[in-house]
Amino acid sequence: MSTAEIALPMDGLKAKLKTTWMAGDYDRFSRHMEQGARAFYERLDVPAGCQMLDVACGSGQLALCAARDGVDVTGVDIAPNLVQRAQARAHAEGLKARFLEGDAEALPFEDASFDVVTSLIGAMFAPRPELVASELLRVCSPGGTIAMANWTPEGFVGQMFKTFAKFIAPSGMPAPVLWGDPTVVRQRLGHGVSSLTTKRCNYSMNYPFSPAEVVEFFGQYYGPTNRAFASLDQEAAAKLREELTALWSQHNRGGEGMTVVQAEYLEVVATRA
């Protein structure tokens, strides 16, 4: 098979991924995730004035945390509508941050451009993890920090992905949650870093409505769930809703009319060699 023949299916997959992440309203969806983003960011102790890149930045939840603290931050995402929304949020707050459309597998920056390179539940969804790892390493300056937060296979979101897999045909790409396996992360980044630590953390997912309403919220505003429901017939969609509602209910620690679920992720912090 020629390089061109390999590229054609990948181009189609990339186009589908872009459409998926542009669906719904990720900005509205991510507002319920900002507390966890801030907790992840604060543990990194990023110095003011340094150059930071947030890969797969969405509508800017992590990058805006950094900008508010005086970090010179750039965000990049595959979905142009999310980039526009992130830039609008930065302008509205008078923050010095820039946002660009770009691919985690081919970042539009020179080598060693950033002191800190982050990705919060983002780059893990790119289809070619070996290219992602190479790019995160390439754009980070020697001695700089690479930090990721990635859902684990065993955690709540990993279980949610397994529920979707009962209804949706596999894409053929490596499972995103492999980025949540410490052994796999070390294999992918280890050759380019002088140190690497991993820690299992919980992302508190808090919603002021019931588990059934959370499922509807995801279906309306979170691109992958939105596209999953759209791809199913009425009967299969109803069954998926039922199973997702049961999963959220099983893990719910909130009171009546509330949904509070602890979703495990792997925190990865590495030093560029």
Protein backbone atom coordinates (compact mmCIF):
# COMPACT_ATOMS: atom_id res chain seq x y z
CA MET A 1 0.00 0.00 0.00
CA SER A 2 1.39 3.42 -0.99
CA THR A 3 1.76 6.41 1.35
CA ALA A 4 -1.04 8.14 -0.55
CA GLU A 5 -3.34 5.15 -0.03
CA ILE A 6 -2.60 5.22 3.72
CA ALA A 7 -3.19 8.97 3.88
CA LEU A 8 -6.65 8.86 2.30
CA PRO A 9 -8.34 6.82 5.07
CA MET A 10 -6.55 8.93 7.71
CA ASP A 11 -7.76 12.12 6.05
CA GLY A 12 -11.30 10.78 6.28
CA LEU A 13 -10.87 9.86 9.94
CA LYS A 14 -9.44 13.30 10.72
CA ALA A 15 -12.37 14.99 9.00
CA LYS A 16 -14.77 12.86 11.02
CA LEU A 17 -12.97 13.71 14.26
CA LYS A 18 -13.11 17.42 13.47
CA THR A 19 -16.86 17.16 12.79
CA THR A 20 -17.32 15.26 16.04
CA TRP A 21 -15.54 17.85 18.20
CA MET A 22 -17.34 20.72 16.47
CA ALA A 23 -20.74 19.16 17.27
CA GLY A 24 -22.81 20.18 20.29
CA ASP A 25 -21.50 23.08 22.36
CA TYR A 26 -18.27 22.12 24.09
CA ASP A 27 -17.90 25.55 25.66
CA ARG A 28 -21.17 25.14 27.54
CA PHE A 29 -20.30 21.53 28.34
CA SER A 30 -16.86 22.39 29.71
CA ARG A 31 -18.12 24.99 32.18
CA HIS A 32 -19.04 22.12 34.52
CA MET A 33 -15.42 20.86 34.25
CA GLU A 34 -13.58 24.07 35.12
CA GLN A 35 -12.99 23.31 38.81
CA GLY A 36 -11.13 20.12 37.93
CA ALA A 37 -9.15 21.94 35.24
CA ARG A 38 -8.05 24.52 37.77
CA ALA A 39 -6.98 21.82 40.24
CA PHE A 40 -4.84 20.13 37.57
CA TYR A 41 -3.31 23.46 36.55
CA GLU A 42 -2.46 24.55 40.10
CA ARG A 43 -0.55 21.33 40.80
CA LEU A 44 1.75 22.16 37.87
CA ASP A 45 2.89 25.40 39.54
CA VAL A 46 3.51 27.11 36.19
CA PRO A 47 5.67 30.25 36.64
CA ALA A 48 4.23 33.57 35.46
CA GLY A 49 5.79 34.84 32.25
CA CYS A 50 6.77 31.45 30.86
CA GLN A 51 5.72 30.20 27.43
CA MET A 52 2.96 27.56 27.68
CA LEU A 53 1.19 25.56 24.98
CA ASP A 54 -2.15 23.85 25.67
CA VAL A 55 -2.73 21.09 23.12
CA ALA A 56 -6.33 20.18 22.24
CA CYS A 57 -7.39 23.18 24.29
CA GLY A 58 -11.14 23.01 23.59
CA SER A 59 -12.75 26.33 24.44
CA GLY A 60 -9.81 27.31 26.62
CA GLN A 61 -10.60 26.13 30.13
CA LEU A 62 -6.97 25.27 31.02
CA ALA A 63 -5.30 27.96 28.91
CA LEU A 64 -7.47 30.68 30.43
CA CYS A 65 -6.44 29.54 33.92
CA ALA A 66 -2.84 30.10 32.88
CA ALA A 67 -3.53 33.46 31.23
CA ARG A 68 -5.24 34.72 34.39
CA ASP A 69 -2.02 33.91 36.26
CA GLY A 70 0.18 35.89 33.87
CA VAL A 71 1.45 32.98 31.78
CA ASP A 72 2.12 33.65 28.08
CA VAL A 73 -0.18 30.92 26.81
CA THR A 74 -1.13 29.56 23.40
CA GLY A 75 -3.95 27.08 22.82
CA VAL A 76 -4.36 24.87 19.78
CA ASP A 77 -7.33 22.69 18.82
CA ILE A 78 -8.57 20.78 15.77
CA ALA A 79 -12.06 22.34 15.99
CA PRO A 80 -12.16 25.92 14.64
CA ASN A 81 -15.38 26.84 16.45
CA LEU A 82 -13.77 25.97 19.79
CA VAL A 83 -10.69 28.04 18.95
CA GLN A 84 -12.93 31.00 18.13
CA ARG A 85 -14.85 30.59 21.36
CA ALA A 86 -11.64 30.38 23.41
CA GLN A 87 -10.32 33.55 21.78
CA ALA A 88 -13.61 35.33 22.44
CA ARG A 89 -13.46 34.33 26.11
CA ALA A 90 -9.90 35.65 26.37
CA HIS A 91 -10.91 38.97 24.78
CA ALA A 92 -13.93 39.29 27.08
CA GLU A 93 -11.65 38.99 30.13
CA GLY A 94 -8.88 41.15 28.66
CA LEU A 95 -6.45 38.23 28.81
CA LYS A 96 -3.25 37.88 26.80
CA ALA A 97 -3.75 34.48 25.22
CA ARG A 98 -3.81 33.31 21.63
CA PHE A 99 -5.68 30.38 20.14
CA LEU A 100 -5.01 28.65 16.82
CA GLU A 101 -6.56 25.84 14.82
CA GLY A 102 -4.09 22.97 14.66
CA ASP A 103 -3.52 19.23 14.87
CA ALA A 104 -1.91 17.55 17.89
CA GLU A 105 -0.15 15.24 15.42
CA ALA A 106 1.44 18.13 13.48
CA LEU A 107 1.72 21.17 15.73
CA PRO A 108 2.28 24.46 13.85
CA PHE A 109 5.25 25.58 15.97
CA GLU A 110 9.04 25.53 15.82
CA ASP A 111 11.09 23.06 17.84
CA ALA A 112 11.60 23.90 21.54
CA SER A 113 9.11 26.81 21.41
CA PHE A 114 7.52 26.32 24.84
CA ASP A 115 8.61 25.96 28.46
CA VAL A 116 5.45 24.05 29.42
CA VAL A 117 3.32 21.83 27.13
CA THR A 118 0.01 20.60 28.51
CA SER A 119 -3.00 18.60 27.40
CA LEU A 120 -6.05 18.17 29.61
CA ILE A 121 -8.22 15.27 28.38
CA GLY A 122 -7.44 16.33 24.82
CA ALA A 123 -4.47 14.97 22.88
CA MET A 124 -5.39 11.47 24.09
CA PHE A 125 -8.14 11.43 21.43
CA ALA A 126 -5.83 11.91 18.41
CA PRO A 127 -5.68 8.74 16.28
CA ARG A 128 -1.87 8.33 16.06
CA PRO A 129 -0.44 8.49 19.59
CA GLU A 130 3.15 8.00 18.43
CA LEU A 131 2.89 11.26 16.46
CA VAL A 132 1.29 13.04 19.41
CA ALA A 133 4.12 11.95 21.70
CA SER A 134 6.71 13.04 19.15
CA GLU A 135 5.08 16.48 18.74
CA LEU A 136 4.69 17.12 22.48
CA LEU A 137 8.39 16.39 22.87
CA ARG A 138 9.45 18.38 19.81
CA VAL A 139 7.82 21.69 20.76
CA CYS A 140 8.93 21.54 24.40
CA SER A 141 12.26 23.14 25.26
CA PRO A 142 14.97 21.02 26.97
CA GLY A 143 14.33 21.03 30.69
CA GLY A 144 10.73 22.08 30.10
CA THR A 145 7.61 20.35 31.40
CA ILE A 146 5.15 18.12 29.54
CA ALA A 147 1.96 17.52 31.51
CA MET A 148 -1.14 15.54 30.57
CA ALA A 149 -4.37 14.43 32.21
CA ASN A 150 -5.80 11.30 30.55
CA TRP A 151 -8.84 9.20 31.44
CA THR A 152 -7.88 5.73 32.70
CA PRO A 153 -9.27 2.47 31.32
CA GLU A 154 -10.51 1.48 34.79
CA GLY A 155 -12.11 4.79 35.75
CA PHE A 156 -15.65 6.03 35.29
CA VAL A 157 -15.08 7.54 31.84
CA GLY A 158 -13.28 4.38 30.74
CA GLN A 159 -16.42 2.47 31.74
CA MET A 160 -18.54 4.98 29.86
CA PHE A 161 -16.44 4.37 26.73
CA LYS A 162 -17.04 0.63 27.10
CA THR A 163 -20.79 1.30 27.18
CA PHE A 164 -20.57 3.27 23.93
CA ALA A 165 -18.51 0.47 22.37
CA LYS A 166 -21.49 -1.88 22.69
CA PHE A 167 -23.40 0.32 20.24
CA ILE A 168 -20.80 2.07 18.08
CA ALA A 169 -18.44 0.27 15.69
CA PRO A 170 -14.74 0.75 16.56
CA SER A 171 -12.89 3.46 14.63
CA GLY A 172 -9.77 1.37 14.14
CA MET A 173 -7.62 3.84 16.08
CA PRO A 174 -5.87 2.88 19.35
CA ALA A 175 -8.07 3.24 22.41
CA PRO A 176 -7.69 6.80 23.78
CA VAL A 177 -7.64 5.48 27.36
CA LEU A 178 -4.29 3.76 26.69
CA TRP A 179 -2.87 7.21 27.47
CA GLY A 180 -4.22 6.53 30.97
CA ASP A 181 -1.97 3.47 31.38
CA PRO A 182 1.36 4.41 33.06
CA THR A 183 3.30 1.70 31.21
CA VAL A 184 2.03 2.87 27.83
CA VAL A 185 2.76 6.52 28.61
CA ARG A 186 6.34 5.65 29.55
CA GLN A 187 6.75 3.76 26.28
CA ARG A 188 5.44 6.73 24.29
CA LEU A 189 7.30 9.58 26.02
CA GLY A 190 10.17 7.86 27.79
CA HIS A 191 12.78 8.23 25.04
CA GLY A 192 12.54 12.02 25.11
CA VAL A 193 12.29 12.82 28.82
CA SER A 194 14.75 12.82 31.71
CA SER A 195 12.04 12.17 34.31
CA LEU A 196 8.40 11.11 34.25
CA THR A 197 5.95 10.70 37.10
CA THR A 198 2.36 9.52 37.02
CA LYS A 199 -0.37 9.81 39.61
CA ARG A 200 -4.00 8.69 39.63
CA CYS A 201 -6.32 11.59 40.39
CA ASN A 202 -10.06 12.14 40.46
CA TYR A 203 -11.91 14.68 38.38
CA SER A 204 -15.08 15.66 40.21
CA MET A 205 -17.94 15.85 37.70
CA ASN A 206 -20.71 17.91 39.33
CA TYR A 207 -24.10 18.60 37.78
CA PRO A 208 -27.14 20.28 39.40
CA PHE A 209 -29.51 17.75 37.85
CA SER A 210 -30.28 14.03 37.83
CA PRO A 211 -28.23 11.27 36.13
CA ALA A 212 -30.85 10.95 33.36
CA GLU A 213 -30.57 14.69 32.73
CA VAL A 214 -26.76 14.41 32.69
CA VAL A 215 -27.02 11.87 29.88
CA GLU A 216 -29.26 14.27 27.94
CA PHE A 217 -26.82 17.11 28.67
CA PHE A 218 -23.94 15.07 27.21
CA GLY A 219 -26.08 14.12 24.23
CA GLN A 220 -26.88 17.74 23.48
CA TYR A 221 -23.58 19.49 24.18
CA TYR A 222 -20.67 16.99 24.17
CA GLY A 223 -19.63 16.31 20.58
CA PRO A 224 -18.75 12.57 20.79
CA THR A 225 -21.98 11.72 22.66
CA ASN A 226 -23.98 13.96 20.34
CA ARG A 227 -22.62 12.17 17.25
CA ALA A 228 -23.01 8.73 18.85
CA PHE A 229 -26.72 9.23 19.47
CA ALA A 230 -27.18 10.69 15.98
CA SER A 231 -25.66 7.56 14.43
CA LEU A 232 -28.12 5.16 16.11
CA ASP A 233 -31.69 4.24 15.31
CA GLN A 234 -34.38 5.11 17.83
CA GLU A 235 -34.36 1.75 19.60
CA ALA A 236 -30.57 1.57 19.97
CA ALA A 237 -30.39 5.21 21.11
CA ALA A 238 -32.99 4.52 23.80
CA LYS A 239 -31.04 1.49 25.00
CA LEU A 240 -27.79 3.48 25.11
CA ARG A 241 -29.52 6.22 27.14
CA GLU A 242 -30.79 3.59 29.55
CA GLU A 243 -27.36 2.02 30.07
CA LEU A 244 -25.62 5.38 30.45
CA THR A 245 -28.21 6.56 32.97
CA ALA A 246 -27.71 3.35 34.96
CA LEU A 247 -23.93 3.90 34.95
CA TRP A 248 -24.21 7.51 36.15
CA SER A 249 -26.76 6.47 38.79
CA GLN A 250 -24.54 3.66 40.04
CA HIS A 251 -21.58 6.03 40.59
CA ASN A 252 -23.55 9.07 41.75
CA ARG A 253 -22.53 10.49 45.14
CA GLY A 254 -24.81 13.52 44.93
CA GLY A 255 -28.06 14.13 46.75
CA GLU A 256 -31.53 14.32 45.28
CA GLY A 257 -31.59 16.20 41.99
CA MET A 258 -27.78 16.26 41.90
CA THR A 259 -25.15 14.19 40.13
CA VAL A 260 -21.61 14.01 41.51
CA VAL A 261 -19.26 11.42 40.04
CA GLN A 262 -15.54 10.94 40.63
CA ALA A 263 -13.84 10.18 37.31
CA GLU A 264 -10.30 8.84 37.52
CA TYR A 265 -7.56 10.19 35.30
CA LEU A 266 -3.82 9.68 35.07
CA GLU A 267 -1.77 12.80 35.72
CA VAL A 268 1.47 12.69 33.74
CA VAL A 269 4.31 15.15 34.44
CA ALA A 270 7.57 14.78 32.56
CA THR A 271 10.77 16.80 32.08
CA ARG A 272 12.02 17.16 28.52
CA ALA A 273 15.52 15.72 28.15
